[in-house]
Amino acid sequence: MTTVTIWHNPRCSKSRQTLALLQERGLDVQERRYLDEPPTREELTDALRALGVTPRDLIRRGEAVFKELGLGKDAPEDALLDAMASHPVLIERPVVFRGSKAALGRPPENVLALVD
């Protein structure tokens, strides 16, 4: 059976929809509630590499803490990475991992490329 891991926030509708989509396919899904168990900076770096994106692509700019930290379009990538590691609410969700690959579940159907 294929095992996938999801960085999951049960309060997020996209995250719930993505989890349901994976479960409907009969996959063994390991949930990581990343707000309770935040990824380390190294795990974030690995996730960015697997997704093929930059910190700017994975950070939630609409969160209050983004503005409180003084982050903006000119913020260095290291500052964005540090902010996501310290404030996991800034991490776009959900992120699904399978082996060395990952996909962002926005929209949820994006993750099907990992499992179909």
N, C-alpha and C. Protein backbone atom coordinates (compact mmCIF):
# COMPACT_ATOMS: atom_id res chain seq x y z
N MET A 1 0.84 -1.19 0.00
CA MET A 1 0.00 0.00 0.00
C MET A 1 0.88 1.25 0.00
N THR A 2 0.48 2.23 -0.76
CA THR A 2 1.21 3.47 -0.85
C THR A 2 0.99 4.32 0.39
N THR A 3 2.08 4.80 0.98
CA THR A 3 1.98 5.69 2.13
C THR A 3 2.32 7.11 1.69
N VAL A 4 1.46 8.03 2.08
CA VAL A 4 1.71 9.45 1.83
C VAL A 4 1.59 10.18 3.16
N THR A 5 2.27 11.31 3.25
CA THR A 5 2.20 12.14 4.44
C THR A 5 1.60 13.47 4.04
N ILE A 6 0.71 13.98 4.88
CA ILE A 6 0.09 15.28 4.62
C ILE A 6 0.37 16.20 5.80
N TRP A 7 0.88 17.41 5.50
CA TRP A 7 0.94 18.45 6.51
C TRP A 7 -0.46 19.03 6.55
N HIS A 8 -1.18 18.70 7.60
CA HIS A 8 -2.62 18.89 7.66
C HIS A 8 -3.03 19.89 8.73
N ASN A 9 -4.01 20.71 8.38
CA ASN A 9 -4.67 21.60 9.33
C ASN A 9 -6.16 21.28 9.23
N PRO A 10 -6.70 20.58 10.22
CA PRO A 10 -8.11 20.16 10.14
C PRO A 10 -9.11 21.31 10.07
N ARG A 11 -8.69 22.53 10.40
CA ARG A 11 -9.59 23.68 10.32
C ARG A 11 -9.65 24.27 8.91
N CYS A 12 -8.80 23.78 8.02
CA CYS A 12 -8.73 24.30 6.65
C CYS A 12 -9.53 23.40 5.71
N SER A 13 -10.46 23.99 4.97
CA SER A 13 -11.31 23.19 4.07
C SER A 13 -10.50 22.51 2.97
N LYS A 14 -9.50 23.19 2.41
CA LYS A 14 -8.67 22.57 1.35
C LYS A 14 -7.90 21.39 1.91
N SER A 15 -7.43 21.53 3.13
CA SER A 15 -6.69 20.45 3.77
C SER A 15 -7.61 19.25 4.02
N ARG A 16 -8.81 19.51 4.50
CA ARG A 16 -9.77 18.41 4.73
C ARG A 16 -10.15 17.75 3.41
N GLN A 17 -10.37 18.54 2.37
CA GLN A 17 -10.73 17.98 1.06
C GLN A 17 -9.59 17.13 0.50
N THR A 18 -8.37 17.60 0.65
CA THR A 18 -7.21 16.85 0.16
C THR A 18 -7.07 15.53 0.91
N LEU A 19 -7.21 15.57 2.22
CA LEU A 19 -7.12 14.34 3.03
C LEU A 19 -8.20 13.35 2.58
N ALA A 20 -9.42 13.82 2.40
CA ALA A 20 -10.51 12.94 1.98
C ALA A 20 -10.23 12.34 0.61
N LEU A 21 -9.70 13.13 -0.30
CA LEU A 21 -9.37 12.66 -1.64
C LEU A 21 -8.35 11.52 -1.58
N LEU A 22 -7.35 11.67 -0.74
CA LEU A 22 -6.34 10.63 -0.59
C LEU A 22 -6.93 9.37 0.04
N GLN A 23 -7.75 9.55 1.06
CA GLN A 23 -8.36 8.40 1.73
C GLN A 23 -9.33 7.66 0.82
N GLU A 24 -10.06 8.40 -0.02
CA GLU A 24 -10.98 7.77 -0.97
C GLU A 24 -10.25 6.85 -1.94
N ARG A 25 -8.98 7.12 -2.17
CA ARG A 25 -8.17 6.30 -3.08
C ARG A 25 -7.55 5.12 -2.36
N GLY A 26 -7.88 4.95 -1.08
CA GLY A 26 -7.40 3.80 -0.33
C GLY A 26 -5.95 3.89 0.09
N LEU A 27 -5.42 5.09 0.14
CA LEU A 27 -4.01 5.28 0.50
C LEU A 27 -3.84 5.28 2.01
N ASP A 28 -2.68 4.85 2.43
CA ASP A 28 -2.29 4.94 3.83
C ASP A 28 -1.78 6.35 4.04
N VAL A 29 -2.54 7.17 4.73
CA VAL A 29 -2.20 8.58 4.90
C VAL A 29 -1.75 8.84 6.32
N GLN A 30 -0.54 9.36 6.45
CA GLN A 30 -0.04 9.78 7.75
C GLN A 30 -0.27 11.28 7.87
N GLU A 31 -1.04 11.66 8.85
CA GLU A 31 -1.33 13.08 9.08
C GLU A 31 -0.28 13.67 10.00
N ARG A 32 0.24 14.80 9.58
CA ARG A 32 1.10 15.57 10.48
C ARG A 32 0.42 16.92 10.66
N ARG A 33 -0.07 17.13 11.85
CA ARG A 33 -0.72 18.40 12.15
C ARG A 33 0.38 19.42 12.42
N TYR A 34 0.79 20.05 11.35
CA TYR A 34 2.00 20.86 11.37
C TYR A 34 1.90 22.08 12.28
N LEU A 35 0.70 22.50 12.66
CA LEU A 35 0.59 23.60 13.62
C LEU A 35 0.96 23.12 15.02
N ASP A 36 0.69 21.83 15.31
CA ASP A 36 1.03 21.23 16.61
C ASP A 36 2.46 20.68 16.62
N GLU A 37 2.90 20.22 15.45
CA GLU A 37 4.24 19.65 15.31
C GLU A 37 4.92 20.33 14.11
N PRO A 38 5.39 21.56 14.33
CA PRO A 38 5.92 22.34 13.21
C PRO A 38 7.15 21.69 12.57
N PRO A 39 7.25 21.81 11.25
CA PRO A 39 8.44 21.31 10.58
C PRO A 39 9.65 22.17 10.94
N THR A 40 10.80 21.54 10.96
CA THR A 40 12.04 22.27 11.21
C THR A 40 12.41 23.05 9.95
N ARG A 41 13.38 23.91 10.09
CA ARG A 41 13.87 24.67 8.93
C ARG A 41 14.37 23.70 7.86
N GLU A 42 15.07 22.65 8.30
CA GLU A 42 15.59 21.65 7.36
C GLU A 42 14.45 20.92 6.65
N GLU A 43 13.40 20.57 7.38
CA GLU A 43 12.25 19.92 6.76
C GLU A 43 11.56 20.86 5.76
N LEU A 44 11.49 22.13 6.10
CA LEU A 44 10.92 23.11 5.17
C LEU A 44 11.77 23.22 3.90
N THR A 45 13.07 23.23 4.07
CA THR A 45 13.98 23.29 2.92
C THR A 45 13.78 22.06 2.03
N ASP A 46 13.66 20.89 2.65
CA ASP A 46 13.42 19.66 1.90
C ASP A 46 12.07 19.72 1.17
N ALA A 47 11.06 20.26 1.85
CA ALA A 47 9.73 20.38 1.24
C ALA A 47 9.77 21.31 0.03
N LEU A 48 10.47 22.43 0.16
CA LEU A 48 10.58 23.37 -0.95
C LEU A 48 11.26 22.71 -2.15
N ARG A 49 12.31 21.93 -1.86
CA ARG A 49 13.02 21.23 -2.94
C ARG A 49 12.09 20.22 -3.61
N ALA A 50 11.35 19.46 -2.81
CA ALA A 50 10.43 18.45 -3.36
C ALA A 50 9.30 19.09 -4.16
N LEU A 51 8.85 20.25 -3.73
CA LEU A 51 7.79 20.97 -4.43
C LEU A 51 8.31 21.72 -5.66
N GLY A 52 9.61 22.02 -5.64
CA GLY A 52 10.19 22.80 -6.73
C GLY A 52 9.78 24.26 -6.68
N VAL A 53 9.64 24.79 -5.45
CA VAL A 53 9.22 26.18 -5.27
C VAL A 53 10.17 26.90 -4.32
N THR A 54 9.98 28.20 -4.20
CA THR A 54 10.78 29.02 -3.29
C THR A 54 9.96 29.30 -2.02
N PRO A 55 10.62 29.78 -0.97
CA PRO A 55 9.86 30.15 0.24
C PRO A 55 8.72 31.13 -0.06
N ARG A 56 8.95 32.04 -0.99
CA ARG A 56 7.92 33.03 -1.35
C ARG A 56 6.66 32.35 -1.89
N ASP A 57 6.83 31.19 -2.54
CA ASP A 57 5.70 30.46 -3.11
C ASP A 57 4.90 29.68 -2.06
N LEU A 58 5.52 29.42 -0.90
CA LEU A 58 4.88 28.57 0.11
C LEU A 58 4.39 29.35 1.32
N ILE A 59 4.69 30.65 1.36
CA ILE A 59 4.30 31.43 2.55
C ILE A 59 2.93 32.07 2.34
N ARG A 60 2.16 32.09 3.42
CA ARG A 60 0.83 32.68 3.40
C ARG A 60 0.96 34.17 3.76
N ARG A 61 0.88 35.00 2.73
CA ARG A 61 1.08 36.44 2.92
C ARG A 61 -0.11 37.14 3.58
N GLY A 62 -1.26 36.50 3.62
CA GLY A 62 -2.44 37.13 4.20
C GLY A 62 -2.56 36.99 5.70
N GLU A 63 -1.67 36.22 6.31
CA GLU A 63 -1.73 36.03 7.76
C GLU A 63 -1.22 37.28 8.48
N ALA A 64 -1.85 37.59 9.61
CA ALA A 64 -1.47 38.78 10.38
C ALA A 64 0.00 38.76 10.76
N VAL A 65 0.51 37.60 11.14
CA VAL A 65 1.90 37.51 11.59
C VAL A 65 2.87 37.85 10.45
N PHE A 66 2.47 37.66 9.21
CA PHE A 66 3.31 38.04 8.07
C PHE A 66 3.58 39.54 8.12
N LYS A 67 2.53 40.30 8.35
CA LYS A 67 2.67 41.76 8.42
C LYS A 67 3.37 42.18 9.72
N GLU A 68 3.02 41.50 10.83
CA GLU A 68 3.63 41.83 12.12
C GLU A 68 5.14 41.65 12.09
N LEU A 69 5.61 40.68 11.33
CA LEU A 69 7.05 40.42 11.23
C LEU A 69 7.74 41.37 10.24
N GLY A 70 6.95 42.21 9.58
CA GLY A 70 7.51 43.16 8.64
C GLY A 70 7.98 42.52 7.34
N LEU A 71 7.41 41.37 7.03
CA LEU A 71 7.79 40.69 5.79
C LEU A 71 7.05 41.32 4.63
N GLY A 72 7.65 41.27 3.48
CA GLY A 72 7.02 41.84 2.30
C GLY A 72 7.64 41.25 1.06
N LYS A 73 7.34 41.86 -0.07
CA LYS A 73 7.81 41.30 -1.35
C LYS A 73 9.32 41.33 -1.48
N ASP A 74 9.99 42.18 -0.71
CA ASP A 74 11.45 42.27 -0.78
C ASP A 74 12.16 41.49 0.32
N ALA A 75 11.40 40.78 1.14
CA ALA A 75 12.02 40.03 2.24
C ALA A 75 12.93 38.94 1.68
N PRO A 76 14.11 38.78 2.25
CA PRO A 76 15.02 37.73 1.79
C PRO A 76 14.41 36.33 2.03
N GLU A 77 14.75 35.39 1.17
CA GLU A 77 14.21 34.04 1.30
C GLU A 77 14.54 33.41 2.65
N ASP A 78 15.74 33.68 3.17
CA ASP A 78 16.11 33.14 4.48
C ASP A 78 15.16 33.65 5.57
N ALA A 79 14.77 34.91 5.48
CA ALA A 79 13.85 35.49 6.46
C ALA A 79 12.48 34.82 6.36
N LEU A 80 12.04 34.53 5.13
CA LEU A 80 10.75 33.86 4.95
C LEU A 80 10.81 32.45 5.51
N LEU A 81 11.90 31.75 5.26
CA LEU A 81 12.07 30.38 5.76
C LEU A 81 12.09 30.37 7.28
N ASP A 82 12.83 31.29 7.88
CA ASP A 82 12.87 31.39 9.34
C ASP A 82 11.49 31.70 9.91
N ALA A 83 10.76 32.58 9.23
CA ALA A 83 9.42 32.94 9.70
C ALA A 83 8.48 31.73 9.66
N MET A 84 8.54 30.93 8.58
CA MET A 84 7.69 29.74 8.50
C MET A 84 8.06 28.72 9.57
N ALA A 85 9.36 28.59 9.86
CA ALA A 85 9.79 27.64 10.88
C ALA A 85 9.34 28.08 12.27
N SER A 86 9.34 29.38 12.51
CA SER A 86 8.94 29.91 13.82
C SER A 86 7.43 30.07 13.96
N HIS A 87 6.75 30.28 12.83
CA HIS A 87 5.31 30.54 12.83
C HIS A 87 4.66 29.66 11.75
N PRO A 88 4.41 28.38 12.07
CA PRO A 88 3.93 27.45 11.04
C PRO A 88 2.59 27.84 10.40
N VAL A 89 1.86 28.76 11.02
CA VAL A 89 0.61 29.24 10.40
C VAL A 89 0.90 29.90 9.06
N LEU A 90 2.16 30.30 8.85
CA LEU A 90 2.54 30.94 7.60
C LEU A 90 2.74 29.95 6.45
N ILE A 91 2.77 28.65 6.76
CA ILE A 91 3.01 27.65 5.71
C ILE A 91 1.71 27.39 4.96
N GLU A 92 1.77 27.53 3.63
CA GLU A 92 0.60 27.21 2.80
C GLU A 92 0.28 25.74 2.97
N ARG A 93 -0.99 25.43 2.95
CA ARG A 93 -1.42 24.06 3.21
C ARG A 93 -2.46 23.61 2.21
N PRO A 94 -2.63 22.33 2.13
CA PRO A 94 -1.82 21.24 2.70
C PRO A 94 -0.68 20.89 1.75
N VAL A 95 0.37 20.34 2.31
CA VAL A 95 1.47 19.81 1.51
C VAL A 95 1.43 18.29 1.67
N VAL A 96 1.48 17.58 0.55
CA VAL A 96 1.44 16.12 0.56
C VAL A 96 2.76 15.60 0.01
N PHE A 97 3.31 14.59 0.71
CA PHE A 97 4.59 14.01 0.34
C PHE A 97 4.42 12.53 0.02
N ARG A 98 5.14 12.11 -1.00
CA ARG A 98 5.24 10.68 -1.31
C ARG A 98 6.67 10.46 -1.80
N GLY A 99 7.44 9.74 -0.99
CA GLY A 99 8.84 9.55 -1.33
C GLY A 99 9.55 10.89 -1.37
N SER A 100 10.27 11.14 -2.44
CA SER A 100 11.03 12.39 -2.56
C SER A 100 10.23 13.48 -3.28
N LYS A 101 8.97 13.20 -3.56
CA LYS A 101 8.14 14.18 -4.27
C LYS A 101 7.09 14.77 -3.34
N ALA A 102 6.59 15.93 -3.74
CA ALA A 102 5.57 16.61 -2.94
C ALA A 102 4.66 17.41 -3.87
N ALA A 103 3.47 17.72 -3.35
CA ALA A 103 2.52 18.55 -4.10
C ALA A 103 1.73 19.38 -3.09
N LEU A 104 1.37 20.56 -3.52
CA LEU A 104 0.53 21.44 -2.71
C LEU A 104 -0.92 21.19 -3.09
N GLY A 105 -1.76 20.94 -2.11
CA GLY A 105 -3.17 20.62 -2.35
C GLY A 105 -4.04 21.84 -2.59
N ARG A 106 -3.65 22.69 -3.47
CA ARG A 106 -4.42 23.88 -3.86
C ARG A 106 -4.41 23.96 -5.37
N PRO A 107 -5.42 23.45 -6.02
CA PRO A 107 -6.59 22.77 -5.48
C PRO A 107 -6.23 21.34 -5.06
N PRO A 108 -7.11 20.69 -4.29
CA PRO A 108 -6.82 19.35 -3.79
C PRO A 108 -6.39 18.36 -4.86
N GLU A 109 -6.94 18.49 -6.05
CA GLU A 109 -6.65 17.55 -7.15
C GLU A 109 -5.17 17.59 -7.55
N ASN A 110 -4.44 18.64 -7.18
CA ASN A 110 -3.00 18.71 -7.50
C ASN A 110 -2.24 17.51 -6.97
N VAL A 111 -2.67 16.96 -5.84
CA VAL A 111 -1.92 15.87 -5.21
C VAL A 111 -2.09 14.54 -5.94
N LEU A 112 -3.06 14.45 -6.83
CA LEU A 112 -3.29 13.19 -7.53
C LEU A 112 -2.12 12.81 -8.42
N ALA A 113 -1.34 13.80 -8.85
CA ALA A 113 -0.16 13.50 -9.68
C ALA A 113 0.84 12.65 -8.91
N LEU A 114 0.82 12.71 -7.57
CA LEU A 114 1.72 11.91 -6.75
C LEU A 114 1.27 10.47 -6.61
N VAL A 115 -0.03 10.23 -6.78
CA VAL A 115 -0.56 8.91 -6.43
C VAL A 115 -1.20 8.14 -7.58
N ASP A 116 -1.53 8.81 -8.66
CA ASP A 116 -2.18 8.12 -9.78
C ASP A 116 -1.16 7.62 -10.79
